Amino acid sequence: MDKETRQERREKRRRKKRERMPQHGKSLAKVYRDAILKRLRGKAK
């Protein structure tokens, strides 16, 4: 029981750490593409 809660705490901490980490790989490519599309749409108006 105690181990389980410790495990859950560790997972929560790891999830936060992962969210703080800079994105990379395919997700980063998606971020770049979204940013470029947003900029293009802004100029078009």
Protein backbone atom coordinates (compact mmCIF):
# COMPACT_ATOMS: atom_id res chain seq x y z
CA MET A 1 0.00 0.00 0.00
CA ASP A 2 2.70 2.48 0.98
CA LYS A 3 4.82 1.51 -2.02
CA GLU A 4 1.87 2.15 -4.31
CA THR A 5 1.41 5.71 -3.08
CA ARG A 6 5.15 6.34 -3.40
CA GLN A 7 5.00 4.95 -6.94
CA GLU A 8 2.08 7.23 -7.78
CA ARG A 9 3.92 10.24 -6.37
CA ARG A 10 6.97 9.37 -8.47
CA GLU A 11 4.85 9.02 -11.62
CA LYS A 12 3.21 12.39 -10.99
CA ARG A 13 6.60 14.03 -10.49
CA ARG A 14 7.96 12.40 -13.65
CA ARG A 15 4.93 13.57 -15.64
CA LYS A 16 5.50 17.16 -14.50
CA LYS A 17 9.18 16.90 -15.41
CA ARG A 18 8.29 15.57 -18.86
CA GLU A 19 5.88 18.46 -19.42
CA ARG A 20 8.59 20.96 -18.44
CA MET A 21 11.06 19.36 -20.86
CA PRO A 22 11.34 21.10 -24.24
CA GLN A 23 9.39 19.22 -26.86
CA HIS A 24 11.36 17.34 -29.51
CA GLY A 25 10.87 14.96 -32.41
CA LYS A 26 7.56 14.83 -34.27
CA SER A 27 5.76 16.97 -31.67
CA LEU A 28 8.32 19.75 -32.14
CA ALA A 29 7.85 19.62 -35.91
CA LYS A 30 4.10 20.01 -35.32
CA VAL A 31 4.71 23.01 -33.05
CA TYR A 32 6.89 24.67 -35.70
CA ARG A 33 4.32 24.00 -38.44
CA ASP A 34 1.49 25.41 -36.31
CA ALA A 35 3.52 28.52 -35.54
CA ILE A 36 4.34 29.09 -39.22
CA LEU A 37 0.71 28.57 -40.26
CA LYS A 38 -0.45 30.98 -37.58
CA ARG A 39 2.03 33.62 -38.79
CA LEU A 40 0.94 33.17 -42.42
CA ARG A 41 -2.73 33.44 -41.49
CA GLY A 42 -1.99 36.61 -39.52
CA LYS A 43 -0.24 38.26 -42.50
CA ALA A 44 -3.00 37.27 -44.90
CA LYS A 45 -5.66 39.22 -43.00
